Each structure stands twice: as structure tokens, then as C-alpha cells.
Amino acid sequence: MKEKTLEELWKEASRKEGRLKASLDLYWEWVNKEIELVDTNPPRSFAEFLLRPDYSLWYWVSTAFIVATVVIVAVTEAIPILLPLRYLLGTAYVLFFPGFLLVEALYPKEEELSPLERLALSIGLSLAIVPLIGLVLNYTPFGIRLWPVLYSLAVYMLAISFIASWRKYLYVRLYRGGS
């Protein structure tokens, strides 16, 4: 028996129940593991993996956030009206993203941790990683000042996010039928 595509399932259900109800029903069937969604065309290379937003949107959003935070911190010295935005982005930059990216690298499979566990680990690991980076910076000529901390966190997060995306790609390639 030929397995049906999501589109075919949705069309059948929407004829009977309407589009919204069909969409919700299919979503809950997927959540309850009554249906399994399989990508028939997984990425064949790491470059393709990075260029497909269905696989790597988290990577590009994280990278954009890191770059935006660095830019906002640099710009607020000239435009002080952006200071509240700097505080908001800086808080997430220090208290969430270092741990979040490490969690993504350590647990590349989505099903390994629940969203609440990911959030808790992200905050906890950030609270452990940032002081360690500060400790290392303390023994360098740069010291613990704004720019060295900002750049070292950016380098750490960009490196870890790249490692996380590589691990996620390996998972997709090995367990979801990629070549």
C-alpha cells in the first residue's frame, strides 16, 4: 500500500471537516504519534542542510540575533535611545543563548528533550558558561570589559551553533535516509 503524503491526507480531511479542523486534527495526530511525517527529499550535503530553512532556520535566527546584538551594542554608544533594546537583547545574549546553543549541540534530536527541559538547561548552562568565559578573559590582557566579553561570547556562540548544525545534519543524514 502506498503511503499518503501530508497534502493528500489534508485534502481528504478538509473535504469532510473544513480546512481549519483538518489542519488541527492532522497536527494533533502528529503530536500523538498517530501519523509520522517523513521528508522524501532530505538534504544531501551540509551546504544544502544549511540553506534549507525547514532544517536550519534556528541556526540563521541565532546567528542573526548574535550579529544584531553586537551591532546594537556598538550603535547605542552613538544613539542612546536604543539603550532599552540593548538591555533586552543583552539579557537574552548572556542568560539564554550560550546555553541554548550548547543544548542544541549536545542534544541534536528534537525528541530527546521536551521544550521545558531545553529552556531550563539553556538558562542553567548559560549561567555556567558565561562566568567561565569571564574567568578565561580575566587571565588575558583584554580583561573583563564590555567588548572582550561581547566578542568572546559571539565567537563561542557562532562556533557552538556551527557544531550544533553539523550534528543535526549528521542525525538527518544517518537516521532519516540522507545519503
Protein backbone atom coordinates (compact mmCIF):
# COMPACT_ATOMS: atom_id res chain seq x y z
CA MET A 1 0.00 0.00 0.00
CA LYS A 2 1.32 3.41 -1.00
CA GLU A 3 1.73 5.79 1.91
CA LYS A 4 -0.11 9.06 1.58
CA THR A 5 1.51 12.45 1.60
CA LEU A 6 0.53 15.08 4.12
CA GLU A 7 -1.11 17.05 1.33
CA GLU A 8 -3.27 14.09 0.34
CA LEU A 9 -4.31 13.46 3.95
CA TRP A 10 -5.13 17.14 4.41
CA LYS A 11 -7.20 17.34 1.22
CA GLU A 12 -9.26 14.29 2.21
CA ALA A 13 -9.86 15.59 5.71
CA SER A 14 -10.61 19.16 4.60
CA ARG A 15 -13.33 17.96 2.21
CA LYS A 16 -15.12 16.33 5.13
CA GLU A 17 -14.42 18.72 8.01
CA GLY A 18 -13.15 22.01 6.62
CA ARG A 19 -9.59 23.33 6.37
CA LEU A 20 -9.08 24.54 9.92
CA LYS A 21 -10.44 21.39 11.59
CA ALA A 22 -8.48 19.19 9.18
CA SER A 23 -5.27 21.09 9.94
CA LEU A 24 -5.80 20.85 13.68
CA ASP A 25 -6.71 17.16 13.53
CA LEU A 26 -3.61 16.32 11.49
CA TYR A 27 -1.45 18.36 13.84
CA TRP A 28 -2.76 16.51 16.89
CA GLU A 29 -2.39 13.14 15.17
CA TRP A 30 1.25 14.05 14.55
CA VAL A 31 1.74 15.21 18.17
CA ASN A 32 0.18 11.98 19.46
CA LYS A 33 2.41 9.98 17.08
CA GLU A 34 -0.57 8.54 15.22
CA ILE A 35 0.99 9.66 11.94
CA GLU A 36 4.67 10.02 11.08
CA LEU A 37 5.96 12.74 8.80
CA VAL A 38 8.90 11.69 6.64
CA ASP A 39 10.86 14.03 4.39
CA THR A 40 11.00 12.37 0.98
CA ASN A 41 13.86 14.63 -0.10
CA PRO A 42 16.28 15.12 2.81
CA PRO A 43 19.35 17.33 2.26
CA ARG A 44 22.23 15.54 0.58
CA SER A 45 25.01 17.84 1.75
CA PHE A 46 25.79 20.05 4.70
CA ALA A 47 25.53 23.14 2.50
CA GLU A 48 22.05 22.09 1.38
CA PHE A 49 21.13 21.45 5.01
CA LEU A 50 22.19 24.98 5.96
CA LEU A 51 20.35 26.52 3.02
CA ARG A 52 17.04 24.79 3.72
CA PRO A 53 15.03 26.76 6.28
CA ASP A 54 12.98 23.71 7.27
CA TYR A 55 16.17 22.27 8.78
CA SER A 56 18.33 25.24 9.74
CA LEU A 57 16.05 28.19 10.49
CA TRP A 58 17.11 28.05 14.16
CA TYR A 59 20.76 28.43 13.05
CA TRP A 60 20.12 31.51 10.94
CA VAL A 61 17.87 33.13 13.56
CA SER A 62 20.52 32.55 16.22
CA THR A 63 23.26 33.94 14.00
CA ALA A 64 21.15 36.98 13.14
CA PHE A 65 20.43 37.51 16.84
CA ILE A 66 24.14 37.38 17.70
CA VAL A 67 25.03 39.85 14.95
CA ALA A 68 22.11 42.14 15.83
CA THR A 69 23.13 42.21 19.48
CA VAL A 70 26.73 43.12 18.65
CA VAL A 71 25.54 45.85 16.27
CA ILE A 72 23.03 47.26 18.77
CA VAL A 73 25.69 47.40 21.50
CA ALA A 74 28.02 49.25 19.11
CA VAL A 75 25.31 51.63 17.90
CA THR A 76 23.93 52.53 21.34
CA GLU A 77 27.10 54.43 22.13
CA ALA A 78 26.12 56.90 19.40
CA ILE A 79 22.32 56.55 19.65
CA PRO A 80 21.40 56.25 23.34
CA ILE A 81 17.67 55.98 22.57
CA LEU A 82 18.30 52.32 21.67
CA LEU A 83 19.52 51.56 25.18
CA PRO A 84 16.35 49.63 26.22
CA LEU A 85 16.75 47.41 23.15
CA ARG A 86 20.38 46.87 24.12
CA TYR A 87 19.30 45.75 27.59
CA LEU A 88 16.67 43.40 26.21
CA LEU A 89 18.96 41.79 23.62
CA GLY A 90 21.88 41.74 26.05
CA THR A 91 19.86 39.87 28.64
CA ALA A 92 18.96 37.10 26.18
CA TYR A 93 22.52 37.20 24.77
CA VAL A 94 24.03 36.46 28.18
CA LEU A 95 21.35 34.48 30.01
CA PHE A 96 19.84 32.28 27.29
CA PHE A 97 21.71 31.90 24.00
CA PRO A 98 25.07 30.47 25.20
CA GLY A 99 23.26 27.61 26.93
CA PHE A 100 20.63 27.22 24.22
CA LEU A 101 23.25 26.69 21.53
CA LEU A 102 25.16 24.23 23.72
CA VAL A 103 21.93 22.29 24.34
CA GLU A 104 21.33 22.21 20.57
CA ALA A 105 24.85 20.81 20.11
CA LEU A 106 24.54 18.24 22.89
CA TYR A 107 21.01 17.08 22.01
CA PRO A 108 20.59 17.37 18.23
CA LYS A 109 17.43 15.25 18.13
CA GLU A 110 14.31 17.24 18.96
CA GLU A 111 12.66 14.30 20.69
CA GLU A 112 15.48 13.87 23.23
CA LEU A 113 14.29 16.75 25.43
CA SER A 114 10.96 18.45 25.98
CA PRO A 115 10.78 22.20 25.28
CA LEU A 116 10.64 22.93 29.02
CA GLU A 117 13.77 20.85 29.63
CA ARG A 118 15.53 22.67 26.79
CA LEU A 119 14.58 26.05 28.28
CA ALA A 120 15.73 25.10 31.78
CA LEU A 121 19.01 23.65 30.54
CA SER A 122 19.59 26.67 28.31
CA ILE A 123 19.32 29.10 31.20
CA GLY A 124 21.29 26.89 33.59
CA LEU A 125 24.12 26.24 31.16
CA SER A 126 24.28 29.93 30.25
CA LEU A 127 24.72 30.74 33.93
CA ALA A 128 27.66 28.31 33.97
CA ILE A 129 29.27 29.17 30.61
CA VAL A 130 29.37 32.96 30.82
CA PRO A 131 31.33 33.07 34.10
CA LEU A 132 33.79 30.53 32.69
CA ILE A 133 34.38 32.72 29.65
CA GLY A 134 34.81 35.67 32.03
CA LEU A 135 37.31 33.67 34.06
CA VAL A 136 39.36 32.90 30.96
CA LEU A 137 39.19 36.55 29.90
CA ASN A 138 40.42 37.63 33.34
CA TYR A 139 43.75 35.94 32.63
CA THR A 140 44.22 37.59 29.25
CA PRO A 141 45.46 41.11 28.54
CA PHE A 142 41.92 42.05 27.48
CA GLY A 143 40.36 41.63 30.93
CA ILE A 144 36.67 41.56 31.73
CA ARG A 145 35.32 44.57 29.89
CA LEU A 146 32.35 45.05 27.57
CA TRP A 147 33.99 44.49 24.19
CA PRO A 148 36.11 41.44 25.08
CA VAL A 149 33.12 39.77 26.76
CA LEU A 150 30.81 40.66 23.86
CA TYR A 151 33.20 39.35 21.20
CA SER A 152 34.27 36.24 23.07
CA LEU A 153 30.63 35.28 23.66
CA ALA A 154 29.90 35.92 19.98
CA VAL A 155 32.80 33.71 18.87
CA TYR A 156 31.79 30.99 21.33
CA MET A 157 28.14 31.08 20.23
CA LEU A 158 28.93 31.12 16.50
CA ALA A 159 31.31 28.16 16.90
CA ILE A 160 28.87 26.15 19.02
CA SER A 161 25.96 26.88 16.68
CA PHE A 162 28.03 25.65 13.73
CA ILE A 163 28.89 22.47 15.65
CA ALA A 164 25.21 22.03 16.57
CA SER A 165 24.12 22.40 12.97
CA TRP A 166 26.75 19.85 11.88
CA ARG A 167 25.48 17.37 14.50
CA LYS A 168 21.88 17.94 13.41
CA TYR A 169 22.93 17.37 9.80
CA LEU A 170 24.60 14.07 10.74
CA TYR A 171 21.42 12.99 12.51
CA VAL A 172 19.32 13.81 9.46
CA ARG A 173 21.74 12.06 7.15
CA LEU A 174 22.10 8.91 9.24
CA TYR A 175 18.61 8.42 10.64
CA ARG A 176 16.30 10.00 8.14
CA GLY A 177 17.58 8.45 4.97
CA GLY A 178 20.02 11.04 3.64
CA SER A 179 22.98 9.83 1.60
